[in-house]
Amino acid sequence: MFNRHTQAFAILIAVVVPPGCGGGVDVNGYDVTIQQTTQCTVTGAAARNCEDPAVLGQSSLKARWFLETADDGSSVTVTTHEGRTIPGLLFDNDGSVIATEGCNSEGGRCVFVRRRFQANDENTGCATFGELIFVGHFPPDEPDHLVGRFSDVAGNSEECGTPTINEVAFAVDGTRVEQPAFSLEGVQP
């Protein structure tokens, strides 16, 4: 028999997970190669200090990213290999939305996702902030190929000690896979 805690849990699941689970969302997986291109820090009034790009480019990471597209065909969420989810837009690469490298009217489709965050400590006034941005495109002749740039900016205010801003950027190159989730590979219905 169910006790009242089990019943409450069952009701919570029914409310949180609607029937048809995920209706209206198209999920695609991309095996990506991620290569760091920039790592810079600005501390206090000091000049911007950056790592040598040649050294950064000596290693890369292979991972899986997910791109979820809503029914409207333009709302997307990118989930990185670190589990970071970033909402944004999918749009035609015709120069009408943004004009940046890879999304400057070359044709195909573009993805622009961004998430900003900020936290303030009321006792000290210390403010921390950050921004994740991915701008990518699907070339017109390769709709399963995703190429772009991912950046991660984080910092803090002088109330935290010394004001600091860190920026790390990566080149991303990926190919759509047949089965988006590793856990579904080899599963028989």
Protein backbone atom coordinates (compact mmCIF):
# COMPACT_ATOMS: atom_id res chain seq x y z
CA MET A 1 0.00 0.00 0.00
CA PHE A 2 1.03 3.58 -0.55
CA ASN A 3 1.69 5.74 2.46
CA ARG A 4 1.02 9.48 2.40
CA HIS A 5 4.66 10.28 1.47
CA THR A 6 4.55 7.90 -1.51
CA GLN A 7 1.25 9.41 -2.65
CA ALA A 8 2.66 12.95 -2.37
CA PHE A 9 5.71 11.90 -4.40
CA ALA A 10 3.51 10.31 -7.09
CA ILE A 11 1.41 13.48 -7.30
CA LEU A 12 4.58 15.62 -7.53
CA ILE A 13 5.88 13.46 -10.41
CA ALA A 14 2.54 13.72 -12.22
CA VAL A 15 2.63 17.51 -11.94
CA VAL A 16 6.31 17.97 -12.83
CA VAL A 17 6.37 15.49 -15.75
CA PRO A 18 3.43 16.20 -18.03
CA PRO A 19 1.95 13.50 -20.27
CA GLY A 20 3.88 13.06 -23.50
CA CYS A 21 7.12 14.10 -21.75
CA GLY A 22 9.02 16.55 -23.94
CA GLY A 23 6.30 17.04 -26.55
CA GLY A 24 7.25 19.75 -28.97
CA VAL A 25 11.00 19.52 -28.46
CA ASP A 26 13.46 18.12 -31.00
CA VAL A 27 16.73 17.00 -29.38
CA ASN A 28 19.89 16.51 -31.43
CA GLY A 29 23.28 15.40 -30.16
CA TYR A 30 26.56 16.69 -31.59
CA ASP A 31 29.96 15.14 -31.12
CA VAL A 32 32.11 18.23 -30.77
CA THR A 33 35.79 18.99 -30.67
CA ILE A 34 36.48 21.93 -28.37
CA GLN A 35 39.76 23.81 -28.63
CA GLN A 36 40.66 26.69 -26.34
CA THR A 37 41.58 29.81 -28.30
CA THR A 38 41.70 32.54 -25.63
CA GLN A 39 42.35 32.79 -21.90
CA CYS A 40 42.66 36.33 -20.55
CA THR A 41 42.47 37.98 -17.14
CA VAL A 42 42.15 41.60 -16.11
CA THR A 43 42.96 42.18 -12.43
CA GLY A 44 42.36 45.59 -10.89
CA ALA A 45 43.87 48.36 -13.00
CA ALA A 46 46.44 46.02 -14.58
CA ALA A 47 46.59 45.47 -18.31
CA ARG A 48 44.82 42.51 -19.86
CA ASN A 49 46.99 39.40 -19.43
CA CYS A 50 46.45 36.61 -21.99
CA GLU A 51 47.91 33.15 -22.42
CA ASP A 52 49.79 32.34 -25.63
CA PRO A 53 47.21 31.09 -28.21
CA ALA A 54 49.80 28.68 -29.65
CA VAL A 55 50.11 26.96 -26.27
CA LEU A 56 46.33 26.90 -25.75
CA GLY A 57 45.83 25.30 -29.18
CA GLN A 58 48.03 22.30 -28.35
CA SER A 59 45.19 20.35 -26.76
CA SER A 60 41.53 19.76 -27.47
CA LEU A 61 38.57 18.02 -25.89
CA LYS A 62 36.04 15.71 -27.54
CA ALA A 63 32.57 15.77 -26.00
CA ARG A 64 28.84 15.65 -26.71
CA TRP A 65 26.60 18.71 -26.79
CA PHE A 66 22.83 18.77 -27.16
CA LEU A 67 20.67 21.20 -29.09
CA GLU A 68 16.97 21.22 -28.24
CA THR A 69 14.68 23.03 -30.66
CA ALA A 70 11.12 23.94 -29.63
CA ASP A 71 8.03 23.58 -31.82
CA ASP A 72 8.32 27.19 -32.97
CA GLY A 73 11.54 26.26 -34.82
CA SER A 74 13.44 29.23 -33.39
CA SER A 75 13.66 28.73 -29.61
CA VAL A 76 16.67 26.57 -28.69
CA THR A 77 18.65 25.42 -25.71
CA VAL A 78 22.25 24.27 -25.97
CA THR A 79 23.51 21.92 -23.26
CA THR A 80 27.30 21.69 -23.06
CA HIS A 81 29.40 18.72 -21.97
CA GLU A 82 29.54 20.32 -18.51
CA GLY A 83 25.76 20.29 -18.20
CA ARG A 84 25.43 24.05 -18.68
CA THR A 85 22.13 24.88 -20.38
CA ILE A 86 21.99 28.08 -22.37
CA PRO A 87 18.78 29.35 -24.04
CA GLY A 88 18.62 31.29 -27.26
CA LEU A 89 17.57 31.37 -30.90
CA LEU A 90 17.95 29.38 -34.11
CA PHE A 91 17.56 31.51 -37.24
CA ASP A 92 18.37 31.78 -40.93
CA ASN A 93 21.89 33.00 -41.65
CA ASP A 94 20.79 35.96 -43.75
CA GLY A 95 22.32 38.82 -41.73
CA SER A 96 18.97 40.04 -40.40
CA VAL A 97 19.53 38.95 -36.77
CA ILE A 98 23.27 39.32 -36.11
CA ALA A 99 26.36 39.91 -38.18
CA THR A 100 29.39 38.10 -36.81
CA GLU A 101 31.90 35.53 -37.99
CA GLY A 102 30.01 32.56 -39.43
CA CYS A 103 26.64 34.34 -39.15
CA ASN A 104 27.06 37.12 -41.67
CA SER A 105 24.74 36.12 -44.53
CA GLU A 106 26.66 33.01 -45.60
CA GLY A 107 23.47 30.93 -45.79
CA GLY A 108 22.44 27.96 -43.69
CA ARG A 109 21.26 28.42 -40.11
CA CYS A 110 22.74 30.11 -37.03
CA VAL A 111 22.47 29.50 -33.30
CA PHE A 112 22.88 32.28 -30.73
CA VAL A 113 22.55 31.37 -27.06
CA ARG A 114 23.47 33.43 -24.02
CA ARG A 115 23.05 33.19 -20.28
CA ARG A 116 24.02 35.99 -17.89
CA PHE A 117 24.13 35.72 -14.13
CA GLN A 118 24.98 37.94 -11.19
CA ALA A 119 25.07 37.49 -7.42
CA ASN A 120 25.45 40.11 -4.71
CA ASP A 121 26.43 39.55 -1.09
CA GLU A 122 24.25 41.97 0.89
CA ASN A 123 26.67 42.00 3.83
CA THR A 124 29.88 42.80 1.96
CA GLY A 125 28.63 44.32 -1.31
CA CYS A 126 30.72 41.76 -3.19
CA ALA A 127 29.24 41.24 -6.65
CA THR A 128 30.11 38.28 -8.87
CA PHE A 129 28.96 38.04 -12.47
CA GLY A 130 29.33 35.98 -15.58
CA GLU A 131 28.13 35.31 -19.08
CA LEU A 132 28.11 32.23 -21.28
CA ILE A 133 27.73 32.76 -25.04
CA PHE A 134 27.73 30.37 -27.97
CA VAL A 135 27.43 31.60 -31.54
CA GLY A 136 27.44 28.82 -34.10
CA HIS A 137 26.26 28.04 -37.59
CA PHE A 138 25.25 25.17 -39.82
CA PRO A 139 26.78 25.76 -43.27
CA PRO A 140 24.23 25.62 -46.12
CA ASP A 141 25.88 22.59 -47.73
CA GLU A 142 26.46 20.76 -44.38
CA PRO A 143 23.27 20.99 -42.25
CA ASP A 144 24.60 18.35 -39.78
CA HIS A 145 27.86 20.23 -39.15
CA LEU A 146 27.93 22.78 -36.28
CA VAL A 147 30.80 25.28 -36.11
CA GLY A 148 31.14 28.17 -33.69
CA ARG A 149 32.66 29.96 -30.74
CA PHE A 150 31.85 29.45 -27.06
CA SER A 151 32.94 32.01 -24.46
CA ASP A 152 32.79 32.02 -20.69
CA VAL A 153 33.31 35.34 -18.90
CA ALA A 154 33.31 35.61 -15.11
CA GLY A 155 34.36 38.27 -12.65
CA ASN A 156 33.92 40.04 -9.36
CA SER A 157 33.75 43.60 -8.04
CA GLU A 158 36.32 45.41 -5.89
CA GLU A 159 34.19 44.72 -2.80
CA CYS A 160 35.30 41.08 -3.17
CA GLY A 161 38.97 42.12 -2.89
CA THR A 162 40.53 43.00 -6.23
CA PRO A 163 38.17 43.39 -9.17
CA THR A 164 38.85 40.64 -11.67
CA ILE A 165 37.48 39.58 -15.05
CA ASN A 166 38.38 36.22 -16.61
CA GLU A 167 37.55 35.33 -20.20
CA VAL A 168 37.98 31.92 -21.76
CA ALA A 169 36.96 31.22 -25.37
CA PHE A 170 36.82 28.00 -27.37
CA ALA A 171 36.42 27.03 -31.02
CA VAL A 172 33.69 24.38 -31.36
CA ASP A 173 33.38 22.00 -34.31
CA GLY A 174 30.75 19.27 -34.21
CA THR A 175 28.78 16.74 -36.23
CA ARG A 176 25.23 15.59 -35.53
CA VAL A 177 24.96 12.01 -34.32
CA GLU A 178 22.13 9.56 -35.00
CA GLN A 179 21.46 8.82 -31.32
CA PRO A 180 21.72 11.96 -29.15
CA ALA A 181 22.16 10.24 -25.76
CA PHE A 182 24.84 7.63 -25.10
CA SER A 183 22.41 5.85 -22.74
CA LEU A 184 20.03 5.14 -25.65
CA GLU A 185 22.65 3.46 -27.82
CA GLY A 186 21.94 -0.25 -28.16
CA VAL A 187 18.55 -0.06 -26.43
CA GLN A 188 15.86 -2.16 -28.07
CA PRO A 189 12.25 -0.88 -27.88
